[in-house]
Amino acid sequence: MKKMSYKPSVDNVIKAGSNEKEGLYEFIVHLADGSECRVFYNRFPKWQLTNISRLQKNPCPVCRKDFICRCMESFADNIGQQIEEGHWFEKALGE
């Protein structure tokens, strides 16, 4: 299966929006290969990735389509783990 040969690497995370009262956050994740994803998190009771989608700026690094695909959903756990381990929440939120 070709998809698993792709290894996303989180390069930067920027807060795009939030509803802090509800604990909902939207981040733009920049990957090392130039791809960008929009990720949604719920902070309560702990940080949990609820949705991920690729921004349409570059073709998908997995399927090479330049339109909507769901490839990044396969890497949500990997990307979420990198965001957590890299302390990107604190960096993006300025905490």
N, C-alpha and C. Protein backbone atom coordinates (compact mmCIF):
# COMPACT_ATOMS: atom_id res chain seq x y z
N MET A 1 0.85 -1.18 0.00
CA MET A 1 0.00 0.00 0.00
C MET A 1 0.89 1.25 0.00
N LYS A 2 0.73 2.08 -0.97
CA LYS A 2 1.58 3.25 -1.17
C LYS A 2 1.43 4.30 -0.09
N LYS A 3 0.23 4.46 0.46
CA LYS A 3 -0.04 5.54 1.41
C LYS A 3 0.90 5.54 2.60
N MET A 4 1.22 4.39 3.12
CA MET A 4 2.01 4.33 4.34
C MET A 4 3.47 4.71 4.12
N SER A 5 3.93 4.82 2.89
CA SER A 5 5.30 5.24 2.67
C SER A 5 5.46 6.75 2.92
N TYR A 6 4.35 7.48 2.94
CA TYR A 6 4.39 8.91 3.23
C TYR A 6 4.59 9.11 4.73
N LYS A 7 5.52 9.97 5.09
CA LYS A 7 5.81 10.26 6.50
C LYS A 7 5.68 11.76 6.73
N PRO A 8 4.51 12.22 7.18
CA PRO A 8 4.35 13.66 7.44
C PRO A 8 5.25 14.10 8.59
N SER A 9 5.79 15.30 8.46
CA SER A 9 6.64 15.85 9.51
C SER A 9 6.19 17.28 9.80
N VAL A 10 5.69 17.50 11.01
CA VAL A 10 5.17 18.81 11.41
C VAL A 10 6.33 19.80 11.52
N ASP A 11 6.20 20.90 10.79
CA ASP A 11 7.23 21.93 10.73
C ASP A 11 6.84 23.18 11.54
N ASN A 12 5.54 23.47 11.56
CA ASN A 12 5.05 24.65 12.27
C ASN A 12 3.55 24.50 12.48
N VAL A 13 3.03 25.13 13.53
CA VAL A 13 1.60 25.12 13.83
C VAL A 13 1.19 26.54 14.20
N ILE A 14 0.12 27.02 13.58
CA ILE A 14 -0.38 28.37 13.82
C ILE A 14 -1.85 28.28 14.21
N LYS A 15 -2.23 29.00 15.25
CA LYS A 15 -3.64 29.04 15.65
C LYS A 15 -4.42 29.84 14.61
N ALA A 16 -5.49 29.24 14.10
CA ALA A 16 -6.30 29.92 13.09
C ALA A 16 -7.60 30.45 13.69
N GLY A 17 -8.04 29.86 14.78
CA GLY A 17 -9.27 30.32 15.40
C GLY A 17 -9.58 29.51 16.64
N SER A 18 -10.49 30.02 17.46
CA SER A 18 -10.84 29.28 18.67
C SER A 18 -12.15 29.77 19.26
N ASN A 19 -12.76 28.89 20.02
CA ASN A 19 -13.86 29.23 20.90
C ASN A 19 -13.39 28.71 22.26
N GLU A 20 -12.66 29.56 22.98
CA GLU A 20 -12.00 29.11 24.20
C GLU A 20 -12.98 28.67 25.27
N LYS A 21 -14.15 29.30 25.31
CA LYS A 21 -15.16 28.91 26.30
C LYS A 21 -15.58 27.46 26.10
N GLU A 22 -15.72 27.04 24.84
CA GLU A 22 -16.11 25.66 24.52
C GLU A 22 -14.90 24.73 24.40
N GLY A 23 -13.70 25.30 24.39
CA GLY A 23 -12.48 24.49 24.27
C GLY A 23 -12.22 24.00 22.85
N LEU A 24 -12.73 24.72 21.86
CA LEU A 24 -12.56 24.33 20.46
C LEU A 24 -11.49 25.19 19.80
N TYR A 25 -10.59 24.53 19.07
CA TYR A 25 -9.47 25.23 18.45
C TYR A 25 -9.28 24.76 17.02
N GLU A 26 -8.84 25.68 16.18
CA GLU A 26 -8.51 25.38 14.79
C GLU A 26 -7.06 25.82 14.57
N PHE A 27 -6.26 24.93 14.02
CA PHE A 27 -4.85 25.22 13.76
C PHE A 27 -4.53 24.95 12.30
N ILE A 28 -3.58 25.69 11.76
CA ILE A 28 -3.01 25.40 10.45
C ILE A 28 -1.66 24.73 10.73
N VAL A 29 -1.50 23.53 10.20
CA VAL A 29 -0.27 22.76 10.40
C VAL A 29 0.53 22.78 9.11
N HIS A 30 1.75 23.30 9.20
CA HIS A 30 2.66 23.31 8.06
C HIS A 30 3.54 22.08 8.16
N LEU A 31 3.58 21.29 7.09
CA LEU A 31 4.41 20.09 7.07
C LEU A 31 5.71 20.37 6.33
N ALA A 32 6.73 19.58 6.62
CA ALA A 32 8.06 19.79 6.06
C ALA A 32 8.08 19.73 4.53
N ASP A 33 7.14 18.97 3.94
CA ASP A 33 7.12 18.85 2.47
C ASP A 33 6.39 20.00 1.78
N GLY A 34 5.94 20.99 2.56
CA GLY A 34 5.26 22.15 1.98
C GLY A 34 3.74 22.04 2.03
N SER A 35 3.22 20.89 2.41
CA SER A 35 1.76 20.71 2.52
C SER A 35 1.26 21.44 3.77
N GLU A 36 -0.01 21.79 3.74
CA GLU A 36 -0.64 22.42 4.90
C GLU A 36 -1.95 21.71 5.18
N CYS A 37 -2.25 21.57 6.46
CA CYS A 37 -3.50 20.94 6.88
C CYS A 37 -4.20 21.85 7.87
N ARG A 38 -5.50 21.74 7.88
CA ARG A 38 -6.31 22.42 8.89
C ARG A 38 -6.72 21.32 9.88
N VAL A 39 -6.41 21.54 11.17
CA VAL A 39 -6.78 20.55 12.18
C VAL A 39 -7.67 21.21 13.23
N PHE A 40 -8.64 20.45 13.69
CA PHE A 40 -9.57 20.93 14.71
C PHE A 40 -9.37 20.10 15.96
N TYR A 41 -9.35 20.78 17.09
CA TYR A 41 -9.15 20.12 18.38
C TYR A 41 -10.21 20.54 19.36
N ASN A 42 -10.55 19.61 20.26
CA ASN A 42 -11.37 19.91 21.42
C ASN A 42 -10.45 19.77 22.62
N ARG A 43 -10.41 20.77 23.48
CA ARG A 43 -9.47 20.79 24.59
C ARG A 43 -10.00 20.09 25.84
N PHE A 44 -11.29 19.84 25.89
CA PHE A 44 -11.86 19.27 27.11
C PHE A 44 -12.33 17.84 26.89
N PRO A 45 -12.05 16.87 27.75
CA PRO A 45 -11.30 17.04 28.99
C PRO A 45 -9.79 17.11 28.75
N LYS A 46 -9.31 16.64 27.60
CA LYS A 46 -7.90 16.80 27.24
C LYS A 46 -7.85 17.07 25.74
N TRP A 47 -6.72 17.52 25.23
CA TRP A 47 -6.58 17.81 23.80
C TRP A 47 -6.91 16.58 22.98
N GLN A 48 -7.84 16.73 22.04
CA GLN A 48 -8.21 15.62 21.17
C GLN A 48 -8.44 16.14 19.77
N LEU A 49 -7.75 15.57 18.80
CA LEU A 49 -7.92 15.95 17.40
C LEU A 49 -9.28 15.43 16.94
N THR A 50 -10.13 16.33 16.44
CA THR A 50 -11.47 15.91 16.02
C THR A 50 -11.64 15.86 14.51
N ASN A 51 -10.80 16.61 13.77
CA ASN A 51 -10.92 16.61 12.31
C ASN A 51 -9.63 17.13 11.69
N ILE A 52 -9.31 16.63 10.51
CA ILE A 52 -8.12 17.10 9.78
C ILE A 52 -8.46 17.12 8.30
N SER A 53 -7.99 18.14 7.61
CA SER A 53 -8.17 18.20 6.15
C SER A 53 -6.99 18.95 5.54
N ARG A 54 -6.65 18.58 4.34
CA ARG A 54 -5.53 19.21 3.65
C ARG A 54 -6.00 20.50 3.01
N LEU A 55 -5.21 21.56 3.15
CA LEU A 55 -5.51 22.81 2.45
C LEU A 55 -5.12 22.64 0.99
N GLN A 56 -5.85 23.24 0.10
CA GLN A 56 -5.72 22.99 -1.33
C GLN A 56 -4.63 23.81 -2.02
N LYS A 57 -3.57 24.17 -1.30
CA LYS A 57 -2.52 25.01 -1.89
C LYS A 57 -1.57 24.22 -2.78
N ASN A 58 -1.33 22.96 -2.44
CA ASN A 58 -0.44 22.09 -3.20
C ASN A 58 -1.14 20.77 -3.45
N PRO A 59 -0.74 20.02 -4.47
CA PRO A 59 -1.32 18.68 -4.65
C PRO A 59 -1.04 17.81 -3.42
N CYS A 60 -1.91 16.87 -3.18
CA CYS A 60 -1.75 15.96 -2.05
C CYS A 60 -0.44 15.18 -2.20
N PRO A 61 0.38 15.13 -1.14
CA PRO A 61 1.64 14.39 -1.22
C PRO A 61 1.44 12.88 -1.29
N VAL A 62 0.24 12.40 -0.98
CA VAL A 62 -0.03 10.96 -1.00
C VAL A 62 -0.60 10.52 -2.34
N CYS A 63 -1.72 11.13 -2.75
CA CYS A 63 -2.41 10.69 -3.98
C CYS A 63 -2.14 11.60 -5.17
N ARG A 64 -1.48 12.74 -4.92
CA ARG A 64 -1.11 13.73 -5.94
C ARG A 64 -2.30 14.48 -6.54
N LYS A 65 -3.49 14.30 -6.00
CA LYS A 65 -4.66 15.04 -6.49
C LYS A 65 -4.55 16.49 -6.04
N ASP A 66 -5.06 17.40 -6.88
CA ASP A 66 -5.06 18.80 -6.46
C ASP A 66 -6.48 19.26 -6.14
N PHE A 67 -7.31 18.31 -5.77
CA PHE A 67 -8.65 18.64 -5.31
C PHE A 67 -8.89 17.88 -4.00
N ILE A 68 -10.08 17.99 -3.45
CA ILE A 68 -10.36 17.43 -2.13
C ILE A 68 -10.14 15.92 -2.12
N CYS A 69 -9.38 15.49 -1.13
CA CYS A 69 -9.18 14.06 -0.88
C CYS A 69 -9.18 13.89 0.63
N ARG A 70 -9.18 12.66 1.07
CA ARG A 70 -9.23 12.40 2.51
C ARG A 70 -7.96 11.70 3.00
N CYS A 71 -6.90 11.81 2.24
CA CYS A 71 -5.66 11.10 2.57
C CYS A 71 -5.11 11.47 3.95
N MET A 72 -5.17 12.73 4.33
CA MET A 72 -4.57 13.16 5.59
C MET A 72 -5.25 12.53 6.80
N GLU A 73 -6.49 12.08 6.63
CA GLU A 73 -7.18 11.42 7.74
C GLU A 73 -6.41 10.17 8.18
N SER A 74 -5.73 9.52 7.24
CA SER A 74 -4.93 8.33 7.56
C SER A 74 -3.75 8.66 8.46
N PHE A 75 -3.34 9.92 8.47
CA PHE A 75 -2.17 10.34 9.23
C PHE A 75 -2.53 11.20 10.44
N ALA A 76 -3.81 11.27 10.77
CA ALA A 76 -4.26 12.12 11.87
C ALA A 76 -3.58 11.75 13.18
N ASP A 77 -3.47 10.45 13.48
CA ASP A 77 -2.83 10.03 14.73
C ASP A 77 -1.36 10.44 14.75
N ASN A 78 -0.67 10.24 13.63
CA ASN A 78 0.75 10.57 13.52
C ASN A 78 0.96 12.08 13.68
N ILE A 79 0.18 12.87 12.97
CA ILE A 79 0.30 14.33 13.04
C ILE A 79 -0.07 14.82 14.43
N GLY A 80 -1.16 14.27 14.99
CA GLY A 80 -1.57 14.64 16.34
C GLY A 80 -0.50 14.34 17.37
N GLN A 81 0.15 13.20 17.23
CA GLN A 81 1.23 12.81 18.15
C GLN A 81 2.40 13.78 18.04
N GLN A 82 2.75 14.18 16.81
CA GLN A 82 3.85 15.13 16.62
C GLN A 82 3.51 16.50 17.23
N ILE A 83 2.26 16.92 17.08
CA ILE A 83 1.82 18.20 17.65
C ILE A 83 1.96 18.15 19.17
N GLU A 84 1.54 17.04 19.77
CA GLU A 84 1.61 16.89 21.22
C GLU A 84 3.06 16.83 21.70
N GLU A 85 3.86 15.96 21.08
CA GLU A 85 5.25 15.76 21.51
C GLU A 85 6.12 16.99 21.26
N GLY A 86 5.78 17.76 20.22
CA GLY A 86 6.55 18.97 19.92
C GLY A 86 6.09 20.19 20.68
N HIS A 87 5.11 19.99 21.60
CA HIS A 87 4.56 21.09 22.41
C HIS A 87 4.04 22.23 21.54
N TRP A 88 3.44 21.88 20.39
CA TRP A 88 2.95 22.89 19.46
C TRP A 88 1.74 23.66 19.99
N PHE A 89 0.95 23.03 20.90
CA PHE A 89 -0.19 23.75 21.46
C PHE A 89 0.31 24.99 22.19
N GLU A 90 1.30 24.78 23.07
CA GLU A 90 1.83 25.88 23.86
C GLU A 90 2.44 26.95 22.96
N LYS A 91 3.17 26.53 21.94
CA LYS A 91 3.82 27.49 21.03
C LYS A 91 2.76 28.27 20.25
N ALA A 92 1.74 27.58 19.71
CA ALA A 92 0.74 28.23 18.88
C ALA A 92 -0.16 29.15 19.70
N LEU A 93 -0.38 28.79 20.95
CA LEU A 93 -1.26 29.58 21.81
C LEU A 93 -0.51 30.60 22.65
N GLY A 94 0.82 30.58 22.55
CA GLY A 94 1.64 31.53 23.30
C GLY A 94 1.59 31.30 24.80
N GLU A 95 1.43 30.04 25.20
CA GLU A 95 1.33 29.72 26.63
C GLU A 95 2.70 29.44 27.21
